C-alpha atoms as a PDB file:
ATOM      1  CA  MET A   1       6.900  31.135  11.983  1.00  0.00           C
ATOM      2  CA  GLY A   2       5.271  34.581  10.945  1.00  0.00           C
ATOM      3  CA  THR A   3       1.343  35.343  10.789  1.00  0.00           C
ATOM      4  CA  THR A   4      -0.085  35.129   7.406  1.00  0.00           C
ATOM      5  CA  GLN A   5      -3.491  36.508   6.770  1.00  0.00           C
ATOM      6  CA  LEU A   6      -5.821  35.214   3.918  1.00  0.00           C
ATOM      7  CA  GLU A   7      -7.352  38.119   1.563  1.00  0.00           C
ATOM      8  CA  SER A   8     -10.501  38.021   0.247  1.00  0.00           C
ATOM      9  CA  VAL A   9     -10.836  35.372  -2.586  1.00  0.00           C
ATOM     10  CA  PRO A  10     -13.925  33.986  -4.920  1.00  0.00           C
ATOM     11  CA  GLU A  11     -12.910  30.792  -4.058  1.00  0.00           C
ATOM     12  CA  PRO A  12     -14.156  28.791  -1.035  1.00  0.00           C
ATOM     13  CA  LYS A  13     -11.817  29.906   2.018  1.00  0.00           C
ATOM     14  CA  TYR A  14     -11.032  26.561   2.862  1.00  0.00           C
ATOM     15  CA  TRP A  15      -9.555  25.873  -0.351  1.00  0.00           C
ATOM     16  CA  HIS A  16      -7.559  28.900  -1.013  1.00  0.00           C
ATOM     17  CA  LEU A  17      -5.966  27.871   2.737  1.00  0.00           C
ATOM     18  CA  LYS A  18      -5.429  24.262   1.466  1.00  0.00           C
ATOM     19  CA  THR A  19      -2.913  25.707  -1.319  1.00  0.00           C
ATOM     20  CA  VAL A  20      -1.275  28.046   1.154  1.00  0.00           C
ATOM     21  CA  LEU A  21      -0.811  25.058   3.773  1.00  0.00           C
ATOM     22  CA  SER A  22       0.613  22.925   0.589  1.00  0.00           C
ATOM     23  CA  GLU A  23       2.865  25.499  -0.115  1.00  0.00           C
ATOM     24  CA  ALA A  24       3.825  25.669   3.658  1.00  0.00           C
ATOM     25  CA  LEU A  25       4.381  21.922   3.589  1.00  0.00           C
ATOM     26  CA  ASP A  26       6.914  21.955   0.728  1.00  0.00           C
ATOM     27  CA  SER A  27       8.882  24.695   2.129  1.00  0.00           C
ATOM     28  CA  GLU A  28       8.929  24.498   5.629  1.00  0.00           C
ATOM     29  CA  PHE A  29       8.165  20.759   7.004  1.00  0.00           C
ATOM     30  CA  ALA A  30       9.879  17.185   6.251  1.00  0.00           C
ATOM     31  CA  VAL A  31       8.134  14.226   5.619  1.00  0.00           C
ATOM     32  CA  GLY A  32       6.952  12.333   9.341  1.00  0.00           C
ATOM     33  CA  GLU A  33       6.984  15.989  10.839  1.00  0.00           C
ATOM     34  CA  ILE A  34       4.138  16.704  13.115  1.00  0.00           C
ATOM     35  CA  LEU A  35       2.025  19.875  12.630  1.00  0.00           C
ATOM     36  CA  PRO A  36       1.421  22.199  15.000  1.00  0.00           C
ATOM     37  CA  ASN A  37      -2.337  22.046  16.652  1.00  0.00           C
ATOM     38  CA  GLU A  38      -4.834  23.180  15.090  1.00  0.00           C
ATOM     39  CA  ARG A  39      -5.328  26.405  16.911  1.00  0.00           C
ATOM     40  CA  ASP A  40      -1.782  27.599  16.503  1.00  0.00           C
ATOM     41  CA  LEU A  41      -2.238  26.657  12.632  1.00  0.00           C
ATOM     42  CA  ALA A  42      -5.403  28.658  13.028  1.00  0.00           C
ATOM     43  CA  ALA A  43      -4.060  31.732  14.605  1.00  0.00           C
ATOM     44  CA  ARG A  44      -1.264  31.628  12.306  1.00  0.00           C
ATOM     45  CA  PHE A  45      -3.610  31.735   9.299  1.00  0.00           C
ATOM     46  CA  GLY A  46      -6.168  34.081  10.502  1.00  0.00           C
ATOM     47  CA  VAL A  47      -8.945  31.568   9.848  1.00  0.00           C
ATOM     48  CA  ALA A  48     -11.605  29.771  12.004  1.00  0.00           C
ATOM     49  CA  ARG A  49     -10.677  26.497  13.174  1.00  0.00           C
ATOM     50  CA  ALA A  50     -13.675  24.904  10.877  1.00  0.00           C
ATOM     51  CA  THR A  51     -12.382  26.434   8.010  1.00  0.00           C
ATOM     52  CA  LEU A  52      -8.744  24.891   8.929  1.00  0.00           C
ATOM     53  CA  ARG A  53     -10.147  21.524   9.479  1.00  0.00           C
ATOM     54  CA  GLN A  54     -11.908  21.388   6.259  1.00  0.00           C
ATOM     55  CA  ALA A  55      -8.423  22.393   4.323  1.00  0.00           C
ATOM     56  CA  LEU A  56      -6.485  19.760   6.562  1.00  0.00           C
ATOM     57  CA  GLU A  57      -8.911  17.112   5.589  1.00  0.00           C
ATOM     58  CA  GLN A  58      -8.789  17.496   1.894  1.00  0.00           C
ATOM     59  CA  LEU A  59      -5.389  17.626   2.244  1.00  0.00           C
ATOM     60  CA  GLU A  60      -5.463  14.291   3.517  1.00  0.00           C
ATOM     61  CA  LEU A  61      -7.735  12.758   0.836  1.00  0.00           C
ATOM     62  CA  GLU A  62      -5.005  14.088  -1.707  1.00  0.00           C
ATOM     63  CA  GLY A  63      -2.174  12.412   0.477  1.00  0.00           C
ATOM     64  CA  ARG A  64      -0.423  15.138   1.975  1.00  0.00           C
ATOM     65  CA  LEU A  65      -0.957  14.748   5.056  1.00  0.00           C
ATOM     66  CA  GLN A  66      -1.895  11.515   7.649  1.00  0.00           C
ATOM     67  CA  ARG A  67      -3.592  11.475  10.695  1.00  0.00           C
ATOM     68  CA  ARG A  68      -1.937   8.856  12.833  1.00  0.00           C
ATOM     69  CA  ARG A  69      -2.991   7.203  16.052  1.00  0.00           C
ATOM     70  CA  GLY A  70      -1.665   8.680  19.224  1.00  0.00           C
ATOM     71  CA  VAL A  71       0.546  10.858  17.219  1.00  0.00           C
ATOM     72  CA  GLY A  72      -1.208  13.958  15.179  1.00  0.00           C
ATOM     73  CA  THR A  73      -1.212  15.115  11.834  1.00  0.00           C
ATOM     74  CA  THR A  74       1.542  14.304  10.238  1.00  0.00           C
ATOM     75  CA  VAL A  75       3.426  15.418   6.605  1.00  0.00           C
ATOM     76  CA  ALA A  76       2.914  12.312   4.209  1.00  0.00           C
ATOM     77  CA  PRO A  77       5.622  10.459   2.347  1.00  0.00           C
ATOM     78  CA  PRO A  78       5.582  10.557  -1.516  1.00  0.00           C
ATOM     79  CA  ARG A  79       3.018   8.463  -2.621  1.00  0.00           C
ATOM     80  CA  MET A  80       3.604   4.882  -3.687  1.00  0.00           C
ATOM     81  CA  GLY A  81       2.762   4.328  -7.674  1.00  0.00           C
ATOM     82  CA  VAL A  82       1.015   0.983  -8.276  1.00  0.00           C
ATOM     83  CA  ALA A  83       1.805   0.276 -11.853  1.00  0.00           C
ATOM     84  CA  VAL A  84      -0.784  -1.533 -13.743  1.00  0.00           C
ATOM     85  CA  GLY A  85       1.000  -3.037 -16.717  1.00  0.00           C
ATOM     86  CA  SER A  86       0.770  -5.615 -19.323  1.00  0.00           C
ATOM     87  CA  ALA A  87       4.887  -6.558 -18.785  1.00  0.00           C
ATOM     88  CA  GLN A  88       5.247 -10.136 -17.772  1.00  0.00           C
ATOM     89  CA  GLY A  89       7.116  -8.988 -14.717  1.00  0.00           C
ATOM     90  CA  SER A  90       8.748 -11.556 -11.957  1.00  0.00           C
ATOM     91  CA  TRP A  91       7.861 -13.865  -9.313  1.00  0.00           C
ATOM     92  CA  PRO A  92       7.312 -12.362  -5.838  1.00  0.00           C
ATOM     93  CA  GLY A  93      10.226 -12.800  -3.637  1.00  0.00           C
ATOM     94  CA  ALA A  94      12.760 -12.047  -6.449  1.00  0.00           C
ATOM     95  CA  ALA A  95      15.623  -9.565  -6.761  1.00  0.00           C
ATOM     96  CA  GLY A  96      14.546  -6.285  -5.907  1.00  0.00           C
ATOM     97  CA  ASP A  97      11.380  -7.438  -4.387  1.00  0.00           C
ATOM     98  CA  ALA A  98      10.686  -4.531  -1.576  1.00  0.00           C
ATOM     99  CA  TRP A  99       8.254  -6.468   0.196  1.00  0.00           C
ATOM    100  CA  GLN A 100       9.118  -8.123   3.430  1.00  0.00           C
ATOM    101  CA  PRO A 101       7.743 -11.733   4.651  1.00  0.00           C
ATOM    102  CA  ALA A 102       6.108 -11.747   7.549  1.00  0.00           C
ATOM    103  CA  ASP A 103       4.429 -15.062   7.893  1.00  0.00           C
ATOM    104  CA  SER A 104       3.483 -18.244   6.019  1.00  0.00           C
ATOM    105  CA  GLU A 105       0.761 -20.908   7.126  1.00  0.00           C
ATOM    106  CA  LEU A 106      -0.854 -23.944   5.557  1.00  0.00           C
ATOM    107  CA  ALA A 107      -5.016 -23.089   5.867  1.00  0.00           C
ATOM    108  CA  PRO A 108      -7.916 -23.101   3.297  1.00  0.00           C
ATOM    109  CA  ALA A 109      -8.446 -20.687   0.774  1.00  0.00           C
ATOM    110  CA  PRO A 110     -11.530 -18.445   0.710  1.00  0.00           C
ATOM    111  CA  ALA A 111     -13.976 -19.703  -1.663  1.00  0.00           C
ATOM    112  CA  ASP A 112     -13.058 -16.984  -4.454  1.00  0.00           C
ATOM    113  CA  VAL A 113      -9.428 -17.821  -4.288  1.00  0.00           C
ATOM    114  CA  ALA A 114      -9.760 -21.082  -4.605  1.00  0.00           C
ATOM    115  CA  ARG A 115     -12.086 -20.643  -7.659  1.00  0.00           C
ATOM    116  CA  ALA A 116      -9.197 -18.668  -9.159  1.00  0.00           C
ATOM    117  CA  LEU A 117      -6.694 -21.179  -8.369  1.00  0.00           C
ATOM    118  CA  ASP A 118      -8.935 -24.131  -9.475  1.00  0.00           C
ATOM    119  CA  ILE A 119      -8.674 -25.891  -6.529  1.00  0.00           C
ATOM    120  CA  ASP A 120     -10.956 -27.717  -4.277  1.00  0.00           C
ATOM    121  CA  PRO A 121     -12.027 -25.534  -1.432  1.00  0.00           C
ATOM    122  CA  ALA A 122     -10.692 -27.952   1.273  1.00  0.00           C
ATOM    123  CA  GLU A 123      -7.580 -28.126  -0.089  1.00  0.00           C
ATOM    124  CA  PRO A 124      -4.954 -26.378   2.122  1.00  0.00           C
ATOM    125  CA  VAL A 125      -2.599 -23.913   0.475  1.00  0.00           C
ATOM    126  CA  HIS A 126       0.388 -21.919   1.655  1.00  0.00           C
ATOM    127  CA  VAL A 127      -0.750 -18.511   2.791  1.00  0.00           C
ATOM    128  CA  VAL A 128       2.368 -16.307   2.531  1.00  0.00           C
ATOM    129  CA  ARG A 129       1.851 -12.593   4.556  1.00  0.00           C
ATOM    130  CA  ARG A 130       4.040  -9.393   3.375  1.00  0.00           C
ATOM    131  CA  THR A 131       4.154  -5.927   3.949  1.00  0.00           C
ATOM    132  CA  ARG A 132       5.640  -2.788   2.328  1.00  0.00           C
ATOM    133  CA  VAL A 133       7.269  -0.045   4.006  1.00  0.00           C
ATOM    134  CA  SER A 134       7.937   3.617   2.454  1.00  0.00           C
ATOM    135  CA  HIS A 135       9.494   6.461   4.353  1.00  0.00           C
ATOM    136  CA  GLY A 136       9.499   3.810   7.797  1.00  0.00           C
ATOM    137  CA  GLN A 137       5.434   3.596   7.431  1.00  0.00           C
ATOM    138  CA  PRO A 138       3.496   0.503   6.271  1.00  0.00           C
ATOM    139  CA  VAL A 139       1.444   1.372   3.265  1.00  0.00           C
ATOM    140  CA  ALA A 140       0.233  -2.264   2.164  1.00  0.00           C
ATOM    141  CA  ALA A 141      -0.230  -5.692   3.192  1.00  0.00           C
ATOM    142  CA  GLU A 142      -0.370  -8.680   0.787  1.00  0.00           C
ATOM    143  CA  LEU A 143      -1.637 -12.298   1.243  1.00  0.00           C
ATOM    144  CA  LEU A 144      -0.373 -14.493  -1.301  1.00  0.00           C
ATOM    145  CA  TYR A 145      -1.857 -18.107  -1.881  1.00  0.00           C
ATOM    146  CA  VAL A 146      -0.072 -20.825  -3.162  1.00  0.00           C
ATOM    147  CA  PRO A 147      -1.475 -24.374  -3.698  1.00  0.00           C
ATOM    148  CA  ALA A 148       0.649 -27.608  -2.652  1.00  0.00           C
ATOM    149  CA  VAL A 149       1.404 -28.263  -6.353  1.00  0.00           C
ATOM    150  CA  SER A 150       3.180 -25.134  -7.307  1.00  0.00           C
ATOM    151  CA  VAL A 151       5.581 -25.828  -4.507  1.00  0.00           C
ATOM    152  CA  PRO A 152       5.900 -29.674  -4.136  1.00  0.00           C
ATOM    153  CA  ASP A 153       9.831 -29.285  -2.685  1.00  0.00           C
ATOM    154  CA  LEU A 154       8.459 -27.567   0.347  1.00  0.00           C
ATOM    155  CA  SER A 155       7.814 -30.238   2.716  1.00  0.00           C
ATOM    156  CA  ALA A 156      11.640 -31.253   2.749  1.00  0.00           C
ATOM    157  CA  ILE A 157      12.360 -27.637   4.273  1.00  0.00           C
ATOM    158  CA  ASP A 158      12.624 -27.538   7.836  1.00  0.00           C
ATOM    159  CA  ALA A 159      10.822 -24.125   8.374  1.00  0.00           C
ATOM    160  CA  PRO A 160       7.556 -24.390  10.393  1.00  0.00           C
ATOM    161  CA  ALA A 161       6.391 -21.095  10.528  1.00  0.00           C
ATOM    162  CA  GLY A 162       7.349 -16.868  10.419  1.00  0.00           C
ATOM    163  CA  PRO A 163       9.732 -14.959   8.179  1.00  0.00           C
ATOM    164  CA  ALA A 164      11.881 -18.116   7.199  1.00  0.00           C
ATOM    165  CA  ARG A 165       8.735 -20.188   6.274  1.00  0.00           C
ATOM    166  CA  ALA A 166       7.439 -17.302   3.704  1.00  0.00           C
ATOM    167  CA  ARG A 167      10.716 -17.004   2.291  1.00  0.00           C
ATOM    168  CA  ALA A 168      11.140 -21.015   1.340  1.00  0.00           C
ATOM    169  CA  VAL A 169       7.483 -20.730   0.178  1.00  0.00           C
ATOM    170  CA  LEU A 170       8.844 -17.719  -2.585  1.00  0.00           C
ATOM    171  CA  ARG A 171      12.122 -19.579  -3.399  1.00  0.00           C
ATOM    172  CA  GLU A 172      10.251 -22.614  -4.141  1.00  0.00           C
ATOM    173  CA  LEU A 173       7.822 -20.785  -6.344  1.00  0.00           C
ATOM    174  CA  GLY A 174      10.190 -18.890  -7.818  1.00  0.00           C
ATOM    175  CA  ARG A 175      11.669 -22.079  -9.280  1.00  0.00           C
ATOM    176  CA  LEU A 176       8.545 -21.972 -12.028  1.00  0.00           C
ATOM    177  CA  ASP A 177       8.764 -20.792 -15.540  1.00  0.00           C
ATOM    178  CA  LEU A 178       6.661 -17.459 -15.007  1.00  0.00           C
ATOM    179  CA  GLU A 179       4.637 -17.392 -18.396  1.00  0.00           C
ATOM    180  CA  GLY A 180       2.827 -14.237 -17.453  1.00  0.00           C
ATOM    181  CA  GLN A 181       0.683 -12.458 -14.895  1.00  0.00           C
ATOM    182  CA  ASP A 182      -2.512 -10.459 -14.940  1.00  0.00           C
ATOM    183  CA  ARG A 183      -3.664  -7.557 -12.558  1.00  0.00           C
ATOM    184  CA  ALA A 184      -6.793  -6.138 -11.353  1.00  0.00           C
ATOM    185  CA  VAL A 185      -7.388  -3.017  -9.045  1.00  0.00           C
ATOM    186  CA  GLU A 186     -10.383  -2.102  -7.396  1.00  0.00           C
ATOM    187  CA  LEU A 187     -11.244   0.745  -4.506  1.00  0.00           C
ATOM    188  CA  GLY A 188     -12.596  -0.872  -1.309  1.00  0.00           C
ATOM    189  CA  SER A 189     -12.329  -0.672   2.498  1.00  0.00           C
ATOM    190  CA  ALA A 190      -9.965  -1.656   4.972  1.00  0.00           C
ATOM    191  CA  ARG A 191     -10.963  -4.740   6.971  1.00  0.00           C
ATOM    192  CA  ALA A 192      -9.975  -4.938  10.423  1.00  0.00           C
ATOM    193  CA  ASP A 193      -6.666  -7.072  10.245  1.00  0.00           C
ATOM    194  CA  ASP A 194      -5.754  -4.845   6.999  1.00  0.00           C
ATOM    195  CA  ALA A 195      -6.505  -1.632   9.029  1.00  0.00           C
ATOM    196  CA  LYS A 196      -4.407  -2.573  11.809  1.00  0.00           C
ATOM    197  CA  ALA A 197      -1.575  -4.134   9.462  1.00  0.00           C
ATOM    198  CA  LEU A 198      -1.533  -0.661   8.039  1.00  0.00           C
ATOM    199  CA  ASP A 199      -2.107   1.809  10.925  1.00  0.00           C
ATOM    200  CA  ARG A 200      -5.364   2.773  10.065  1.00  0.00           C
ATOM    201  CA  LEU A 201      -9.167   2.532  11.091  1.00  0.00           C
ATOM    202  CA  PRO A 202     -10.984  -0.071   9.700  1.00  0.00           C
ATOM    203  CA  GLY A 203     -13.246   1.203   6.688  1.00  0.00           C
ATOM    204  CA  ALA A 204     -10.665   3.369   5.526  1.00  0.00           C
ATOM    205  CA  PRO A 205     -10.283   3.948   1.840  1.00  0.00           C
ATOM    206  CA  VAL A 206      -7.972   1.175   0.150  1.00  0.00           C
ATOM    207  CA  LEU A 207      -7.038  -0.109  -3.223  1.00  0.00           C
ATOM    208  CA  VAL A 208      -6.641  -3.681  -3.538  1.00  0.00           C
ATOM    209  CA  VAL A 209      -4.592  -5.209  -6.335  1.00  0.00           C
ATOM    210  CA  THR A 210      -5.065  -9.149  -7.015  1.00  0.00           C
ATOM    211  CA  THR A 211      -2.820 -10.469  -9.410  1.00  0.00           C
ATOM    212  CA  ARG A 212      -2.581 -13.930 -10.924  1.00  0.00           C
ATOM    213  CA  PHE A 213       0.894 -15.416 -11.491  1.00  0.00           C
ATOM    214  CA  LEU A 214       0.344 -18.076 -14.619  1.00  0.00           C
ATOM    215  CA  ALA A 215       2.729 -21.108 -14.714  1.00  0.00           C
ATOM    216  CA  ASP A 216       2.289 -24.600 -16.641  1.00  0.00           C
ATOM    217  CA  GLY A 217      -0.784 -23.394 -18.090  1.00  0.00           C
ATOM    218  CA  ARG A 218      -2.579 -22.691 -14.736  1.00  0.00           C
ATOM    219  CA  THR A 219      -2.687 -19.882 -12.021  1.00  0.00           C
ATOM    220  CA  ALA A 220       0.299 -20.844  -9.964  1.00  0.00           C
ATOM    221  CA  ALA A 221      -0.454 -18.428  -7.096  1.00  0.00           C
ATOM    222  CA  LEU A 222      -2.591 -15.671  -6.472  1.00  0.00           C
ATOM    223  CA  SER A 223      -2.190 -12.407  -4.595  1.00  0.00           C
ATOM    224  CA  MET A 224      -4.364 -10.208  -2.719  1.00  0.00           C
ATOM    225  CA  ALA A 225      -2.320  -7.004  -1.804  1.00  0.00           C
ATOM    226  CA  THR A 226      -4.366  -3.797   0.016  1.00  0.00           C
ATOM    227  CA  TYR A 227      -2.523  -0.639  -0.306  1.00  0.00           C
ATOM    228  CA  ARG A 228      -3.309   2.458   1.743  1.00  0.00           C
ATOM    229  CA  ALA A 229      -5.275   4.977  -1.036  1.00  0.00           C
ATOM    230  CA  ASP A 230      -4.037   7.953   0.688  1.00  0.00           C
ATOM    231  CA  THR A 231      -0.710   7.080  -0.075  1.00  0.00           C
ATOM    232  CA  CYS A 232      -0.546   5.117  -3.239  1.00  0.00           C
ATOM    233  CA  ARG A 233      -1.726   6.067  -6.614  1.00  0.00           C
ATOM    234  CA  LEU A 234      -2.427   3.873  -9.933  1.00  0.00           C
ATOM    235  CA  THR A 235       0.238   4.284 -12.714  1.00  0.00           C
ATOM    236  CA  PHE A 236      -0.455   3.049 -16.402  1.00  0.00           C
ATOM    237  CA  GLY A 237       2.147   1.745 -18.679  1.00  0.00           C
ATOM    238  CA  ASP A 238       4.438  -1.144 -19.655  1.00  0.00           C
ATOM    239  CA  GLN A 239       6.051  -1.380 -16.451  1.00  0.00           C
ATOM    240  CA  GLY A 240       4.865  -4.314 -14.397  1.00  0.00           C
ATOM    241  CA  GLY A 241       5.974  -3.643 -11.035  1.00  0.00           C
ATOM    242  CA  VAL A 242       5.180  -1.115  -8.208  1.00  0.00           C
ATOM    243  CA  GLU A 243       7.416   1.702  -8.171  1.00  0.00           C
ATOM    244  CA  ILE A 244       8.552   4.419  -5.270  1.00  0.00           C
ATOM    245  CA  HIS A 245       8.260   7.746  -6.401  1.00  0.00           C
ATOM    246  CA  HIS A 246      10.630  10.151  -4.170  1.00  0.00           C
ATOM    247  CA  GLY A 247      10.489  12.982  -6.554  1.00  0.00           C
ATOM    248  CA  PRO A 248      11.249  14.488  -9.795  1.00  0.00           C
ATOM    249  CA  GLU A 249      14.664  14.111  -9.742  1.00  0.00           C
ATOM    250  CA  GLN A 250      14.829  10.333  -8.193  1.00  0.00           C
ATOM    251  CA  ARG A 251      13.135   7.188  -8.764  1.00  0.00           C
ATOM    252  CA  ALA A 252      13.660   3.852  -7.061  1.00  0.00           C
ATOM    253  CA  SER A 253      12.046   0.786  -7.626  1.00  0.00           C
END
C-alpha cells in the first residue's frame, strides 16, 4: 500500500480520516480481514496515533469495524436489519428461520416473563436458547420462553436436552395457529452471558427485541432476542421477519 498524506481541511482531522479509511475499507479489504496495526496505519496516513484511534472508534460505532478479543481490528460484515413491521410473521423455527437451536430446559421464568405469559412465577416453562450467525460471527442470542400449555404433547418426545430438545419444542409450538405477534425494541447493555455468546465485552451496546407470539387468545410464547448494536440496524415497514442485507444488489432472508 502506498502512503497517503492528508491535506488541510476545515473539519476535524479524525473525521476526515474516518472518511478516507472508510473508502479504503470498501476498496482494499474484505469482510473479516484484519487491519494493519495502528503504527503502520498512522504512518500510511501521516497522522498521530491518537487521531487514528478516534477515527477507528468512530468506524466501530458505525458498524464498519469490529475489535475482536485475541484477533485485532477486523472489517465488519454488512449490518443485519431487524425489521419492526406489522405483518403476522411466523413461528420460531419455521421454514427459512435462520436461527440455530442450541439448547432447551425446563426452568422458572423471570418475573416479568411470567407476567407477560400470564402464568404463575413458580410454573416451569420451556426455555429455548438459539443463536444467529452472519458471516461466521455471532450477531444475536435469543431466549424463547414457552409455557407447557403451548406444547402439551412434548412430554412424549424422547429428547432430554440439547439442540434436539430445542427443535422438538419449536416443532410442537408450530402446531398452534399463530394469530399474530407484536414486537418491542429497546437499547440495552450486554449482560455477562449475552456478551459471552456474542463475543463482546460486558456492557457493550445491544438491541433487545421482545416478541410476543399470540395463539388461542393468549401469549403462547415470548422471545427475548439480544442483537449486537454494532452489526444490526432497525428497519421499518410491513415485513415481519429479520433480513440480512448483503449489499445493494443482493438480499437474503
